[in-house]
């Protein structure tokens, strides 16, 4: 149990903080999210295969990202016919500014002409 005021930890049977005289809680609240984060666009594609690979690469490196327009690729079935929905535009991958360089390095080979995966070591 924790005191929400002084943040002192107590055993499970302490229901009131003996110092602050307030009810204890099971856990303290976590850090507040930072909605003010600056986002940078690092990758744009309409190819469903490249979208899946980009997801995998970013998640593998634990880079938080946001994809704008991904669900629109198959709107009205247009994405199935052409692998790109010209009416809705491509999917855009956005990351925090501090992760942008690392994300670009990860994703740059996806758009390089004739890009092939690295051979297994």
PDB file of N, CA and C in Angstrom:
ATOM      1  N   UNK A   1       0.845  -1.173   0.000  1.00  0.00           N
ATOM      2  CA  UNK A   1       0.000   0.000   0.000  1.00  0.00           C
ATOM      3  C   UNK A   1       0.897   1.245   0.000  1.00  0.00           C
ATOM      4  N   UNK A   2       0.408   2.289  -0.631  1.00  0.00           N
ATOM      5  CA  UNK A   2       1.168   3.530  -0.754  1.00  0.00           C
ATOM      6  C   UNK A   2       0.318   4.713  -0.302  1.00  0.00           C
ATOM      7  N   UNK A   3       0.976   5.698   0.247  1.00  0.00           N
ATOM      8  CA  UNK A   3       0.309   6.945   0.580  1.00  0.00           C
ATOM      9  C   UNK A   3       0.377   7.840  -0.653  1.00  0.00           C
ATOM     10  N   UNK A   4      -0.769   8.317  -1.157  1.00  0.00           N
ATOM     11  CA  UNK A   4      -0.746   9.154  -2.344  1.00  0.00           C
ATOM     12  C   UNK A   4      -0.161  10.552  -2.089  1.00  0.00           C
ATOM     13  N   UNK A   5      -0.044  10.915  -0.814  1.00  0.00           N
ATOM     14  CA  UNK A   5       0.466  12.249  -0.504  1.00  0.00           C
ATOM     15  C   UNK A   5       1.988  12.251  -0.310  1.00  0.00           C
ATOM     16  N   UNK A   6       2.484  11.407   0.607  1.00  0.00           N
ATOM     17  CA  UNK A   6       3.933  11.379   0.874  1.00  0.00           C
ATOM     18  C   UNK A   6       4.652  10.288   0.084  1.00  0.00           C
ATOM     19  N   UNK A   7       3.889   9.417  -0.585  1.00  0.00           N
ATOM     20  CA  UNK A   7       4.396   8.330  -1.422  1.00  0.00           C
ATOM     21  C   UNK A   7       5.194   7.277  -0.657  1.00  0.00           C
ATOM     22  N   UNK A   8       4.974   7.194   0.637  1.00  0.00           N
ATOM     23  CA  UNK A   8       5.627   6.179   1.470  1.00  0.00           C
ATOM     24  C   UNK A   8       4.940   4.838   1.230  1.00  0.00           C
ATOM     25  N   UNK A   9       5.715   3.755   1.260  1.00  0.00           N
ATOM     26  CA  UNK A   9       5.151   2.418   1.062  1.00  0.00           C
ATOM     27  C   UNK A   9       4.929   1.752   2.411  1.00  0.00           C
ATOM     28  N   UNK A  10       3.760   1.088   2.549  1.00  0.00           N
ATOM     29  CA  UNK A  10       3.396   0.397   3.780  1.00  0.00           C
ATOM     30  C   UNK A  10       2.976  -1.026   3.452  1.00  0.00           C
ATOM     31  N   UNK A  11       2.841  -1.842   4.473  1.00  0.00           N
ATOM     32  CA  UNK A  11       2.397  -3.227   4.273  1.00  0.00           C
ATOM     33  C   UNK A  11       0.938  -3.234   3.802  1.00  0.00           C
ATOM     34  N   UNK A  12       0.482  -4.366   3.324  1.00  0.00           N
ATOM     35  CA  UNK A  12      -0.839  -4.501   2.724  1.00  0.00           C
ATOM     36  C   UNK A  12      -1.974  -4.166   3.683  1.00  0.00           C
ATOM     37  N   UNK A  13      -1.731  -4.279   5.002  1.00  0.00           N
ATOM     38  CA  UNK A  13      -2.824  -4.076   5.958  1.00  0.00           C
ATOM     39  C   UNK A  13      -2.957  -2.634   6.462  1.00  0.00           C
ATOM     40  N   UNK A  14      -2.111  -1.727   6.024  1.00  0.00           N
ATOM     41  CA  UNK A  14      -2.209  -0.324   6.443  1.00  0.00           C
ATOM     42  C   UNK A  14      -3.163   0.390   5.496  1.00  0.00           C
ATOM     43  N   UNK A  15      -4.301   0.816   6.018  1.00  0.00           N
ATOM     44  CA  UNK A  15      -5.332   1.450   5.194  1.00  0.00           C
ATOM     45  C   UNK A  15      -5.272   2.976   5.255  1.00  0.00           C
ATOM     46  N   UNK A  16      -4.625   3.519   6.287  1.00  0.00           N
ATOM     47  CA  UNK A  16      -4.498   4.968   6.431  1.00  0.00           C
ATOM     48  C   UNK A  16      -3.041   5.289   6.735  1.00  0.00           C
ATOM     49  N   UNK A  17      -2.491   6.263   6.038  1.00  0.00           N
ATOM     50  CA  UNK A  17      -1.099   6.666   6.262  1.00  0.00           C
ATOM     51  C   UNK A  17      -0.971   7.253   7.665  1.00  0.00           C
ATOM     52  N   UNK A  18      -0.072   6.693   8.490  1.00  0.00           N
ATOM     53  CA  UNK A  18       0.080   7.205   9.850  1.00  0.00           C
ATOM     54  C   UNK A  18       0.708   8.603   9.902  1.00  0.00           C
ATOM     55  N   UNK A  19       1.356   9.021   8.845  1.00  0.00           N
ATOM     56  CA  UNK A  19       1.993  10.338   8.813  1.00  0.00           C
ATOM     57  C   UNK A  19       1.026  11.402   8.289  1.00  0.00           C
ATOM     58  N   UNK A  20       0.352  11.113   7.185  1.00  0.00           N
ATOM     59  CA  UNK A  20      -0.496  12.113   6.513  1.00  0.00           C
ATOM     60  C   UNK A  20      -1.975  12.006   6.865  1.00  0.00           C
ATOM     61  N   UNK A  21      -2.380  10.880   7.433  1.00  0.00           N
ATOM     62  CA  UNK A  21      -3.768  10.616   7.796  1.00  0.00           C
ATOM     63  C   UNK A  21      -4.701  10.638   6.574  1.00  0.00           C
ATOM     64  N   UNK A  22      -4.233  10.038   5.455  1.00  0.00           N
ATOM     65  CA  UNK A  22      -5.062   9.872   4.260  1.00  0.00           C
ATOM     66  C   UNK A  22      -5.111   8.393   3.895  1.00  0.00           C
ATOM     67  N   UNK A  23      -6.149   8.001   3.189  1.00  0.00           N
ATOM     68  CA  UNK A  23      -6.294   6.600   2.777  1.00  0.00           C
ATOM     69  C   UNK A  23      -5.155   6.191   1.852  1.00  0.00           C
ATOM     70  N   UNK A  24      -4.640   4.972   2.041  1.00  0.00           N
ATOM     71  CA  UNK A  24      -3.587   4.453   1.173  1.00  0.00           C
ATOM     72  C   UNK A  24      -4.214   3.866  -0.093  1.00  0.00           C
ATOM     73  N   UNK A  25      -3.379   3.690  -1.120  1.00  0.00           N
ATOM     74  CA  UNK A  25      -3.825   3.134  -2.399  1.00  0.00           C
ATOM     75  C   UNK A  25      -2.922   1.957  -2.774  1.00  0.00           C
ATOM     76  N   UNK A  26      -3.406   1.117  -3.683  1.00  0.00           N
ATOM     77  CA  UNK A  26      -2.639  -0.063  -4.105  1.00  0.00           C
ATOM     78  C   UNK A  26      -1.371   0.307  -4.855  1.00  0.00           C
ATOM     79  N   UNK A  27      -1.440   1.343  -5.671  1.00  0.00           N
ATOM     80  CA  UNK A  27      -0.272   1.778  -6.437  1.00  0.00           C
ATOM     81  C   UNK A  27      -0.352   3.279  -6.666  1.00  0.00           C
ATOM     82  N   UNK A  28       0.818   3.853  -6.835  1.00  0.00           N
ATOM     83  CA  UNK A  28       0.904   5.285  -7.112  1.00  0.00           C
ATOM     84  C   UNK A  28       0.667   5.525  -8.591  1.00  0.00           C
ATOM     85  N   UNK A  29       0.097   6.669  -8.951  1.00  0.00           N
ATOM     86  CA  UNK A  29      -0.111   6.940 -10.375  1.00  0.00           C
ATOM     87  C   UNK A  29       1.224   7.081 -11.092  1.00  0.00           C
ATOM     88  N   UNK A  30       1.255   6.656 -12.343  1.00  0.00           N
ATOM     89  CA  UNK A  30       2.473   6.741 -13.149  1.00  0.00           C
ATOM     90  C   UNK A  30       2.717   8.155 -13.630  1.00  0.00           C
ATOM     91  N   UNK A  31       3.768   8.333 -14.392  1.00  0.00           N
ATOM     92  CA  UNK A  31       4.070   9.670 -14.915  1.00  0.00           C
ATOM     93  C   UNK A  31       2.988  10.126 -15.893  1.00  0.00           C
ATOM     94  N   UNK A  32       2.764  11.407 -15.938  1.00  0.00           N
ATOM     95  CA  UNK A  32       1.782  11.980 -16.844  1.00  0.00           C
ATOM     96  C   UNK A  32       2.286  11.864 -18.285  1.00  0.00           C
ATOM     97  N   UNK A  33       1.402  11.534 -19.230  1.00  0.00           N
ATOM     98  CA  UNK A  33       1.830  11.493 -20.626  1.00  0.00           C
ATOM     99  C   UNK A  33       2.200  12.896 -21.101  1.00  0.00           C
ATOM    100  N   UNK A  34       3.064  12.947 -22.101  1.00  0.00           N
ATOM    101  CA  UNK A  34       3.495  14.238 -22.632  1.00  0.00           C
ATOM    102  C   UNK A  34       2.878  14.447 -24.014  1.00  0.00           C
ATOM    103  N   UNK A  35       1.679  15.042 -24.065  1.00  0.00           N
ATOM    104  CA  UNK A  35       1.035  15.247 -25.366  1.00  0.00           C
ATOM    105  C   UNK A  35       1.714  16.319 -26.201  1.00  0.00           C
ATOM    106  N   UNK A  36       2.681  16.994 -25.637  1.00  0.00           N
ATOM    107  CA  UNK A  36       3.376  18.067 -26.333  1.00  0.00           C
ATOM    108  C   UNK A  36       4.549  17.553 -27.176  1.00  0.00           C
ATOM    109  N   UNK A  37       4.687  16.246 -27.306  1.00  0.00           N
ATOM    110  CA  UNK A  37       5.823  15.677 -28.032  1.00  0.00           C
ATOM    111  C   UNK A  37       5.802  16.126 -29.490  1.00  0.00           C
ATOM    112  N   UNK A  38       6.974  16.475 -30.009  1.00  0.00           N
ATOM    113  CA  UNK A  38       7.106  16.869 -31.401  1.00  0.00           C
ATOM    114  C   UNK A  38       7.228  15.607 -32.246  1.00  0.00           C
ATOM    115  N   UNK A  39       6.380  15.488 -33.262  1.00  0.00           N
ATOM    116  CA  UNK A  39       6.403  14.321 -34.139  1.00  0.00           C
ATOM    117  C   UNK A  39       7.021  14.686 -35.482  1.00  0.00           C
ATOM    118  N   UNK A  40       7.725  13.710 -36.059  1.00  0.00           N
ATOM    119  CA  UNK A  40       8.403  13.900 -37.344  1.00  0.00           C
ATOM    120  C   UNK A  40       8.002  12.755 -38.268  1.00  0.00           C
ATOM    121  N   UNK A  41       7.644  13.093 -39.499  1.00  0.00           N
ATOM    122  CA  UNK A  41       7.303  12.051 -40.482  1.00  0.00           C
ATOM    123  C   UNK A  41       8.597  11.435 -41.003  1.00  0.00           C
ATOM    124  N   UNK A  42       8.698  10.083 -40.909  1.00  0.00           N
ATOM    125  CA  UNK A  42       9.933   9.410 -41.293  1.00  0.00           C
ATOM    126  C   UNK A  42       9.771   8.442 -42.465  1.00  0.00           C
ATOM    127  N   UNK A  43       8.529   8.097 -42.803  1.00  0.00           N
ATOM    128  CA  UNK A  43       8.352   7.108 -43.872  1.00  0.00           C
ATOM    129  C   UNK A  43       6.953   7.260 -44.462  1.00  0.00           C
ATOM    130  N   UNK A  44       6.866   7.171 -45.777  1.00  0.00           N
ATOM    131  CA  UNK A  44       5.599   7.285 -46.481  1.00  0.00           C
ATOM    132  C   UNK A  44       5.537   6.187 -47.532  1.00  0.00           C
ATOM    133  N   UNK A  45       4.443   5.426 -47.535  1.00  0.00           N
ATOM    134  CA  UNK A  45       4.261   4.387 -48.547  1.00  0.00           C
ATOM    135  C   UNK A  45       2.791   4.014 -48.644  1.00  0.00           C
ATOM    136  N   UNK A  46       2.423   3.500 -49.790  1.00  0.00           N
ATOM    137  CA  UNK A  46       1.090   2.966 -49.979  1.00  0.00           C
ATOM    138  C   UNK A  46       1.112   1.459 -50.136  1.00  0.00           C
ATOM    139  N   UNK A  47       2.282   0.864 -50.112  1.00  0.00           N
ATOM    140  CA  UNK A  47       2.465  -0.578 -50.289  1.00  0.00           C
ATOM    141  C   UNK A  47       2.182  -1.291 -48.973  1.00  0.00           C
ATOM    142  N   UNK A  48       1.170  -2.160 -48.955  1.00  0.00           N
ATOM    143  CA  UNK A  48       0.783  -2.866 -47.728  1.00  0.00           C
ATOM    144  C   UNK A  48       1.917  -3.724 -47.174  1.00  0.00           C
ATOM    145  N   UNK A  49       2.728  -4.307 -48.050  1.00  0.00           N
ATOM    146  CA  UNK A  49       3.863  -5.116 -47.601  1.00  0.00           C
ATOM    147  C   UNK A  49       4.904  -4.279 -46.877  1.00  0.00           C
ATOM    148  N   UNK A  50       5.213  -3.089 -47.430  1.00  0.00           N
ATOM    149  CA  UNK A  50       6.177  -2.202 -46.787  1.00  0.00           C
ATOM    150  C   UNK A  50       5.639  -1.637 -45.474  1.00  0.00           C
ATOM    151  N   UNK A  51       4.334  -1.410 -45.420  1.00  0.00           N
ATOM    152  CA  UNK A  51       3.713  -0.941 -44.168  1.00  0.00           C
ATOM    153  C   UNK A  51       3.933  -1.977 -43.074  1.00  0.00           C
ATOM    154  N   UNK A  52       3.705  -3.248 -43.392  1.00  0.00           N
ATOM    155  CA  UNK A  52       3.887  -4.323 -42.404  1.00  0.00           C
ATOM    156  C   UNK A  52       5.343  -4.430 -41.962  1.00  0.00           C
ATOM    157  N   UNK A  53       6.273  -4.300 -42.905  1.00  0.00           N
ATOM    158  CA  UNK A  53       7.700  -4.377 -42.561  1.00  0.00           C
ATOM    159  C   UNK A  53       8.099  -3.195 -41.687  1.00  0.00           C
ATOM    160  N   UNK A  54       7.602  -2.004 -42.016  1.00  0.00           N
ATOM    161  CA  UNK A  54       7.915  -0.810 -41.216  1.00  0.00           C
ATOM    162  C   UNK A  54       7.412  -0.973 -39.784  1.00  0.00           C
ATOM    163  N   UNK A  55       6.187  -1.502 -39.637  1.00  0.00           N
ATOM    164  CA  UNK A  55       5.665  -1.790 -38.294  1.00  0.00           C
ATOM    165  C   UNK A  55       6.638  -2.689 -37.536  1.00  0.00           C
ATOM    166  N   UNK A  56       7.040  -3.764 -38.173  1.00  0.00           N
ATOM    167  CA  UNK A  56       7.914  -4.753 -37.543  1.00  0.00           C
ATOM    168  C   UNK A  56       9.265  -4.160 -37.149  1.00  0.00           C
ATOM    169  N   UNK A  57       9.863  -3.385 -38.037  1.00  0.00           N
ATOM    170  CA  UNK A  57      11.176  -2.795 -37.740  1.00  0.00           C
ATOM    171  C   UNK A  57      11.104  -1.819 -36.568  1.00  0.00           C
ATOM    172  N   UNK A  58      10.104  -0.958 -36.570  1.00  0.00           N
ATOM    173  CA  UNK A  58       9.987   0.029 -35.497  1.00  0.00           C
ATOM    174  C   UNK A  58       9.665  -0.632 -34.152  1.00  0.00           C
ATOM    175  N   UNK A  59       8.787  -1.618 -34.169  1.00  0.00           N
ATOM    176  CA  UNK A  59       8.465  -2.323 -32.927  1.00  0.00           C
ATOM    177  C   UNK A  59       9.658  -3.110 -32.412  1.00  0.00           C
ATOM    178  N   UNK A  60      10.448  -3.686 -33.315  1.00  0.00           N
ATOM    179  CA  UNK A  60      11.635  -4.437 -32.926  1.00  0.00           C
ATOM    180  C   UNK A  60      12.670  -3.576 -32.219  1.00  0.00           C
ATOM    181  N   UNK A  61      12.709  -2.293 -32.546  1.00  0.00           N
ATOM    182  CA  UNK A  61      13.646  -1.364 -31.907  1.00  0.00           C
ATOM    183  C   UNK A  61      12.986  -0.583 -30.776  1.00  0.00           C
ATOM    184  N   UNK A  62      11.738  -0.922 -30.446  1.00  0.00           N
ATOM    185  CA  UNK A  62      10.975  -0.267 -29.372  1.00  0.00           C
ATOM    186  C   UNK A  62      10.855   1.234 -29.598  1.00  0.00           C
ATOM    187  N   UNK A  63      10.601   1.621 -30.848  1.00  0.00           N
ATOM    188  CA  UNK A  63      10.380   3.025 -31.188  1.00  0.00           C
ATOM    189  C   UNK A  63       8.869   3.237 -31.261  1.00  0.00           C
ATOM    190  N   UNK A  64       8.364   4.143 -30.425  1.00  0.00           N
ATOM    191  CA  UNK A  64       6.942   4.468 -30.477  1.00  0.00           C
ATOM    192  C   UNK A  64       6.665   5.222 -31.763  1.00  0.00           C
ATOM    193  N   UNK A  65       5.559   4.902 -32.423  1.00  0.00           N
ATOM    194  CA  UNK A  65       5.233   5.535 -33.691  1.00  0.00           C
ATOM    195  C   UNK A  65       3.728   5.663 -33.859  1.00  0.00           C
ATOM    196  N   UNK A  66       3.338   6.487 -34.792  1.00  0.00           N
ATOM    197  CA  UNK A  66       1.948   6.707 -35.150  1.00  0.00           C
ATOM    198  C   UNK A  66       1.861   6.583 -36.660  1.00  0.00           C
ATOM    199  N   UNK A  67       0.833   5.890 -37.156  1.00  0.00           N
ATOM    200  CA  UNK A  67       0.660   5.746 -38.601  1.00  0.00           C
ATOM    201  C   UNK A  67      -0.625   6.471 -38.999  1.00  0.00           C
ATOM    202  N   UNK A  68      -0.472   7.413 -39.881  1.00  0.00           N
ATOM    203  CA  UNK A  68      -1.616   8.181 -40.359  1.00  0.00           C
ATOM    204  C   UNK A  68      -2.020   7.652 -41.725  1.00  0.00           C
ATOM    205  N   UNK A  69      -3.295   7.297 -41.881  1.00  0.00           N
ATOM    206  CA  UNK A  69      -3.814   6.873 -43.165  1.00  0.00           C
ATOM    207  C   UNK A  69      -3.667   5.401 -43.485  1.00  0.00           C
ATOM    208  N   UNK A  70      -3.186   4.604 -42.555  1.00  0.00           N
ATOM    209  CA  UNK A  70      -2.990   3.178 -42.849  1.00  0.00           C
ATOM    210  C   UNK A  70      -4.310   2.478 -43.119  1.00  0.00           C
ATOM    211  N   UNK A  71      -5.317   2.743 -42.314  1.00  0.00           N
ATOM    212  CA  UNK A  71      -6.612   2.090 -42.483  1.00  0.00           C
ATOM    213  C   UNK A  71      -7.344   2.529 -43.734  1.00  0.00           C
ATOM    214  N   UNK A  72      -6.924   3.637 -44.313  1.00  0.00           N
ATOM    215  CA  UNK A  72      -7.583   4.141 -45.513  1.00  0.00           C
ATOM    216  C   UNK A  72      -7.070   3.497 -46.787  1.00  0.00           C
ATOM    217  N   UNK A  73      -6.002   2.707 -46.694  1.00  0.00           N
ATOM    218  CA  UNK A  73      -5.414   2.115 -47.887  1.00  0.00           C
ATOM    219  C   UNK A  73      -6.374   1.170 -48.591  1.00  0.00           C
ATOM    220  N   UNK A  74      -7.287   0.549 -47.852  1.00  0.00           N
ATOM    221  CA  UNK A  74      -8.207  -0.401 -48.471  1.00  0.00           C
ATOM    222  C   UNK A  74      -9.644   0.127 -48.453  1.00  0.00           C
ATOM    223  N   UNK A  75      -9.822   1.427 -48.266  1.00  0.00           N
ATOM    224  CA  UNK A  75     -11.146   2.014 -48.266  1.00  0.00           C
ATOM    225  C   UNK A  75     -11.795   1.816 -49.636  1.00  0.00           C
ATOM    226  N   UNK A  76     -12.995   1.326 -49.647  1.00  0.00           N
ATOM    227  CA  UNK A  76     -13.756   1.048 -50.876  1.00  0.00           C
ATOM    228  C   UNK A  76     -13.088  -0.024 -51.742  1.00  0.00           C
ATOM    229  N   UNK A  77     -12.139  -0.774 -51.214  1.00  0.00           N
ATOM    230  CA  UNK A  77     -11.492  -1.836 -51.965  1.00  0.00           C
ATOM    231  C   UNK A  77     -10.449  -1.347 -52.952  1.00  0.00           C
ATOM    232  N   UNK A  78     -10.184  -0.050 -52.990  1.00  0.00           N
ATOM    233  CA  UNK A  78      -9.218   0.474 -53.952  1.00  0.00           C
ATOM    234  C   UNK A  78      -7.807  -0.012 -53.681  1.00  0.00           C
ATOM    235  N   UNK A  79      -7.461  -0.208 -52.428  1.00  0.00           N
ATOM    236  CA  UNK A  79      -6.123  -0.668 -52.092  1.00  0.00           C
ATOM    237  C   UNK A  79      -5.858  -2.094 -52.545  1.00  0.00           C
ATOM    238  N   UNK A  80      -6.913  -2.890 -52.649  1.00  0.00           N
ATOM    239  CA  UNK A  80      -6.735  -4.275 -53.087  1.00  0.00           C
ATOM    240  C   UNK A  80      -6.420  -4.357 -54.568  1.00  0.00           C
ATOM    241  N   UNK A  81      -6.974  -3.472 -55.331  1.00  0.00           N
ATOM    242  CA  UNK A  81      -6.782  -3.519 -56.778  1.00  0.00           C
ATOM    243  C   UNK A  81      -5.413  -2.997 -57.197  1.00  0.00           C
ATOM    244  N   UNK A  82      -4.894  -1.990 -56.488  1.00  0.00           N
ATOM    245  CA  UNK A  82      -3.673  -1.337 -56.942  1.00  0.00           C
ATOM    246  C   UNK A  82      -2.537  -1.386 -55.935  1.00  0.00           C
ATOM    247  N   UNK A  83      -2.768  -1.890 -54.735  1.00  0.00           N
ATOM    248  CA  UNK A  83      -1.846  -1.891 -53.602  1.00  0.00           C
ATOM    249  C   UNK A  83      -1.578  -0.479 -53.105  1.00  0.00           C
ATOM    250  N   UNK A  84      -2.301   0.505 -53.642  1.00  0.00           N
ATOM    251  CA  UNK A  84      -2.166   1.893 -53.197  1.00  0.00           C
ATOM    252  C   UNK A  84      -3.485   2.593 -53.494  1.00  0.00           C
ATOM    253  N   UNK A  85      -4.029   3.272 -52.522  1.00  0.00           N
ATOM    254  CA  UNK A  85      -5.298   3.958 -52.681  1.00  0.00           C
ATOM    255  C   UNK A  85      -5.029   5.404 -53.094  1.00  0.00           C
ATOM    256  N   UNK A  86      -5.150   5.685 -54.382  1.00  0.00           N
ATOM    257  CA  UNK A  86      -4.861   7.028 -54.899  1.00  0.00           C
ATOM    258  C   UNK A  86      -5.825   8.067 -54.360  1.00  0.00           C
ATOM    259  N   UNK A  87      -7.040   7.662 -54.016  1.00  0.00           N
ATOM    260  CA  UNK A  87      -8.027   8.613 -53.512  1.00  0.00           C
ATOM    261  C   UNK A  87      -7.696   9.085 -52.097  1.00  0.00           C
ATOM    262  N   UNK A  88      -7.079   8.257 -51.301  1.00  0.00           N
ATOM    263  CA  UNK A  88      -6.828   8.583 -49.893  1.00  0.00           C
ATOM    264  C   UNK A  88      -5.371   8.901 -49.579  1.00  0.00           C
ATOM    265  N   UNK A  89      -4.467   8.607 -50.473  1.00  0.00           N
ATOM    266  CA  UNK A  89      -3.064   8.916 -50.224  1.00  0.00           C
ATOM    267  C   UNK A  89      -2.348   7.800 -49.478  1.00  0.00           C
ATOM    268  N   UNK A  90      -1.039   7.949 -49.302  1.00  0.00           N
ATOM    269  CA  UNK A  90      -0.231   6.900 -48.681  1.00  0.00           C
ATOM    270  C   UNK A  90      -0.330   6.909 -47.159  1.00  0.00           C
ATOM    271  N   UNK A  91       0.167   5.845 -46.550  1.00  0.00           N
ATOM    272  CA  UNK A  91       0.293   5.779 -45.090  1.00  0.00           C
ATOM    273  C   UNK A  91       1.558   6.533 -44.696  1.00  0.00           C
ATOM    274  N   UNK A  92       1.477   7.297 -43.611  1.00  0.00           N
ATOM    275  CA  UNK A  92       2.622   8.079 -43.137  1.00  0.00           C
ATOM    276  C   UNK A  92       3.000   7.607 -41.739  1.00  0.00           C
ATOM    277  N   UNK A  93       4.269   7.312 -41.533  1.00  0.00           N
ATOM    278  CA  UNK A  93       4.789   6.901 -40.233  1.00  0.00           C
ATOM    279  C   UNK A  93       5.407   8.118 -39.549  1.00  0.00           C
ATOM    280  N   UNK A  94       4.969   8.417 -38.335  1.00  0.00           N
ATOM    281  CA  UNK A  94       5.445   9.550 -37.546  1.00  0.00           C
ATOM    282  C   UNK A  94       6.049   9.038 -36.242  1.00  0.00           C
ATOM    283  N   UNK A  95       7.179   9.601 -35.830  1.00  0.00           N
ATOM    284  CA  UNK A  95       7.843   9.233 -34.569  1.00  0.00           C
ATOM    285  C   UNK A  95       8.212  10.508 -33.815  1.00  0.00           C
ATOM    286  N   UNK A  96       8.605  10.343 -32.555  1.00  0.00           N
ATOM    287  CA  UNK A  96       9.096  11.491 -31.796  1.00  0.00           C
ATOM    288  C   UNK A  96      10.360  12.027 -32.451  1.00  0.00           C
ATOM    289  N   UNK A  97      10.577  13.329 -32.313  1.00  0.00           N
ATOM    290  CA  UNK A  97      11.737  13.979 -32.933  1.00  0.00           C
ATOM    291  C   UNK A  97      13.043  13.326 -32.499  1.00  0.00           C
ATOM    292  N   UNK A  98      13.151  12.932 -31.231  1.00  0.00           N
ATOM    293  CA  UNK A  98      14.401  12.331 -30.749  1.00  0.00           C
ATOM    294  C   UNK A  98      14.640  10.928 -31.318  1.00  0.00           C
ATOM    295  N   UNK A  99      13.593  10.271 -31.860  1.00  0.00           N
ATOM    296  CA  UNK A  99      13.743   8.944 -32.457  1.00  0.00           C
ATOM    297  C   UNK A  99      13.821   8.991 -33.983  1.00  0.00           C
ATOM    298  N   UNK A 100      13.694  10.179 -34.561  1.00  0.00           N
ATOM    299  CA  UNK A 100      13.571  10.300 -36.016  1.00  0.00           C
ATOM    300  C   UNK A 100      14.788   9.762 -36.768  1.00  0.00           C
ATOM    301  N   UNK A 101      15.975  10.110 -36.343  1.00  0.00           N
ATOM    302  CA  UNK A 101      17.178   9.677 -37.063  1.00  0.00           C
ATOM    303  C   UNK A 101      17.312   8.156 -37.040  1.00  0.00           C
ATOM    304  N   UNK A 102      17.103   7.556 -35.874  1.00  0.00           N
ATOM    305  CA  UNK A 102      17.187   6.097 -35.759  1.00  0.00           C
ATOM    306  C   UNK A 102      16.118   5.427 -36.625  1.00  0.00           C
ATOM    307  N   UNK A 103      14.910   5.975 -36.631  1.00  0.00           N
ATOM    308  CA  UNK A 103      13.828   5.396 -37.434  1.00  0.00           C
ATOM    309  C   UNK A 103      14.134   5.519 -38.923  1.00  0.00           C
ATOM    310  N   UNK A 104      14.672   6.653 -39.349  1.00  0.00           N
ATOM    311  CA  UNK A 104      15.013   6.826 -40.764  1.00  0.00           C
ATOM    312  C   UNK A 104      16.068   5.825 -41.212  1.00  0.00           C
ATOM    313  N   UNK A 105      17.065   5.598 -40.357  1.00  0.00           N
ATOM    314  CA  UNK A 105      18.115   4.622 -40.678  1.00  0.00           C
ATOM    315  C   UNK A 105      17.500   3.235 -40.835  1.00  0.00           C
ATOM    316  N   UNK A 106      16.578   2.877 -39.944  1.00  0.00           N
ATOM    317  CA  UNK A 106      15.927   1.565 -40.024  1.00  0.00           C
ATOM    318  C   UNK A 106      15.115   1.411 -41.307  1.00  0.00           C
ATOM    319  N   UNK A 107      14.442   2.479 -41.710  1.00  0.00           N
ATOM    320  CA  UNK A 107      13.482   2.387 -42.801  1.00  0.00           C
ATOM    321  C   UNK A 107      14.030   2.784 -44.167  1.00  0.00           C
ATOM    322  N   UNK A 108      15.240   3.319 -44.222  1.00  0.00           N
ATOM    323  CA  UNK A 108      15.761   3.830 -45.490  1.00  0.00           C
ATOM    324  C   UNK A 108      15.904   2.754 -46.561  1.00  0.00           C
ATOM    325  N   UNK A 109      16.215   1.538 -46.188  1.00  0.00           N
ATOM    326  CA  UNK A 109      16.402   0.467 -47.185  1.00  0.00           C
ATOM    327  C   UNK A 109      15.091   0.036 -47.822  1.00  0.00           C
ATOM    328  N   UNK A 110      13.970   0.383 -47.181  1.00  0.00           N
ATOM    329  CA  UNK A 110      12.678  -0.004 -47.750  1.00  0.00           C
ATOM    330  C   UNK A 110      12.367   0.775 -49.021  1.00  0.00           C
ATOM    331  N   UNK A 111      12.943   1.957 -49.176  1.00  0.00           N
ATOM    332  CA  UNK A 111      12.661   2.767 -50.352  1.00  0.00           C
ATOM    333  C   UNK A 111      13.844   2.867 -51.307  1.00  0.00           C
ATOM    334  N   UNK A 112      14.991   2.314 -50.939  1.00  0.00           N
ATOM    335  CA  UNK A 112      16.174   2.375 -51.799  1.00  0.00           C
ATOM    336  C   UNK A 112      15.939   1.509 -53.032  1.00  0.00           C
ATOM    337  N   UNK A 113      16.308   1.986 -54.218  1.00  0.00           N
ATOM    338  CA  UNK A 113      16.121   1.181 -55.425  1.00  0.00           C
ATOM    339  C   UNK A 113      16.945  -0.106 -55.353  1.00  0.00           C
ATOM    340  N   UNK A 114      16.294  -1.227 -55.638  1.00  0.00           N
ATOM    341  CA  UNK A 114      16.992  -2.507 -55.627  1.00  0.00           C
ATOM    342  C   UNK A 114      17.385  -2.968 -54.235  1.00  0.00           C
ATOM    343  N   UNK A 115      16.698  -2.445 -53.215  1.00  0.00           N
ATOM    344  CA  UNK A 115      17.066  -2.807 -51.830  1.00  0.00           C
ATOM    345  C   UNK A 115      16.788  -4.282 -51.592  1.00  0.00           C
ATOM    346  N   UNK A 116      17.752  -4.903 -50.969  1.00  0.00           N
ATOM    347  CA  UNK A 116      17.610  -6.295 -50.598  1.00  0.00           C
ATOM    348  C   UNK A 116      17.974  -6.422 -49.135  1.00  0.00           C
ATOM    349  N   UNK A 117      17.353  -7.354 -48.417  1.00  0.00           N
ATOM    350  CA  UNK A 117      17.700  -7.520 -47.022  1.00  0.00           C
ATOM    351  C   UNK A 117      19.152  -7.964 -46.868  1.00  0.00           C
ATOM    352  N   UNK A 118      19.759  -7.581 -45.742  1.00  0.00           N
ATOM    353  CA  UNK A 118      21.128  -8.005 -45.456  1.00  0.00           C
ATOM    354  C   UNK A 118      21.172  -9.521 -45.340  1.00  0.00           C
ATOM    355  N   UNK A 119      22.243 -10.161 -45.814  1.00  0.00           N
ATOM    356  CA  UNK A 119      22.357 -11.621 -45.649  1.00  0.00           C
ATOM    357  C   UNK A 119      22.508 -11.957 -44.167  1.00  0.00           C
ATOM    358  N   UNK A 120      22.057 -13.150 -43.830  1.00  0.00           N
ATOM    359  CA  UNK A 120      22.177 -13.622 -42.444  1.00  0.00           C
ATOM    360  C   UNK A 120      23.641 -13.769 -42.059  1.00  0.00           C
ATOM    361  N   UNK A 121      24.017 -13.349 -40.825  1.00  0.00           N
ATOM    362  CA  UNK A 121      25.424 -13.502 -40.413  1.00  0.00           C
ATOM    363  C   UNK A 121      25.814 -14.943 -40.206  1.00  0.00           C
TER     364      UNK A 121
END
